[in-house]
Amino acid sequence: MDRRSVRALRRLAWLQGYDWTDEDLEGLLPLVEKSLELIERLDTLPLRDVEPAVQYRML
């Protein structure tokens, strides 16, 4: 099954308790695709030696 389909979005929406129409999900699909593309690009960044930006200080 293609994870970037209206059918997949319908299933995910249902699991989260949303009752969205196929028209609603078709409108969301391009946003989901773009978000997944950006996440895939983040996965390619060489961040192994980068320190975290947040520090937790215990006083």
Protein backbone atom coordinates (compact mmCIF):
# COMPACT_ATOMS: atom_id res chain seq x y z
CA MET A 1 0.00 0.00 0.00
CA ASP A 2 1.26 3.46 -0.87
CA ARG A 3 1.66 5.35 2.38
CA ARG A 4 0.96 8.61 0.54
CA SER A 5 -2.60 7.94 -0.51
CA VAL A 6 -6.04 9.17 0.48
CA ARG A 7 -6.79 5.66 1.70
CA ALA A 8 -3.80 5.74 4.04
CA LEU A 9 -4.73 9.21 5.29
CA ARG A 10 -8.31 8.06 5.90
CA ARG A 11 -7.03 5.21 8.04
CA LEU A 12 -4.69 7.47 10.01
CA ALA A 13 -7.45 10.04 10.53
CA TRP A 14 -9.82 7.33 11.72
CA LEU A 15 -7.23 6.00 14.18
CA GLN A 16 -6.92 9.52 15.63
CA GLY A 17 -10.70 9.89 15.91
CA TYR A 18 -11.24 12.23 12.94
CA ASP A 19 -14.14 11.77 10.56
CA TRP A 20 -12.84 13.64 7.51
CA THR A 21 -14.24 13.32 4.02
CA ASP A 22 -12.18 12.16 1.05
CA GLU A 23 -12.35 15.74 -0.23
CA ASP A 24 -10.74 16.96 3.02
CA LEU A 25 -8.06 14.29 2.79
CA GLU A 26 -7.35 15.03 -0.87
CA GLY A 27 -6.69 18.64 0.17
CA LEU A 28 -4.31 17.49 2.88
CA LEU A 29 -2.42 15.01 0.72
CA PRO A 30 -0.08 17.58 -0.93
CA LEU A 31 0.80 18.97 2.50
CA VAL A 32 1.54 15.50 3.83
CA GLU A 33 3.68 14.71 0.77
CA LYS A 34 5.67 17.93 1.19
CA SER A 35 6.16 17.29 4.91
CA LEU A 36 7.43 13.76 4.23
CA GLU A 37 9.83 15.10 1.58
CA LEU A 38 11.24 17.61 4.08
CA ILE A 39 11.65 14.91 6.73
CA GLU A 40 13.49 12.71 4.21
CA ARG A 41 15.82 15.64 3.45
CA LEU A 42 16.51 16.08 7.18
CA ASP A 43 17.50 12.43 7.39
CA THR A 44 20.29 13.07 4.87
CA LEU A 45 21.99 15.85 6.87
CA PRO A 46 25.37 14.94 8.43
CA LEU A 47 24.45 15.69 12.05
CA ARG A 48 26.38 12.97 13.84
CA ASP A 49 28.90 15.38 15.39
CA VAL A 50 26.54 18.30 16.00
CA GLU A 51 25.85 19.17 19.63
CA PRO A 52 22.22 19.58 20.67
CA ALA A 53 20.93 23.16 20.77
CA VAL A 54 19.18 22.65 24.11
CA GLN A 55 20.89 22.07 27.40
CA TYR A 56 19.24 21.04 30.62
CA ARG A 57 20.86 22.52 33.67
CA MET A 58 20.20 21.07 37.06
CA LEU A 59 20.71 23.65 39.82
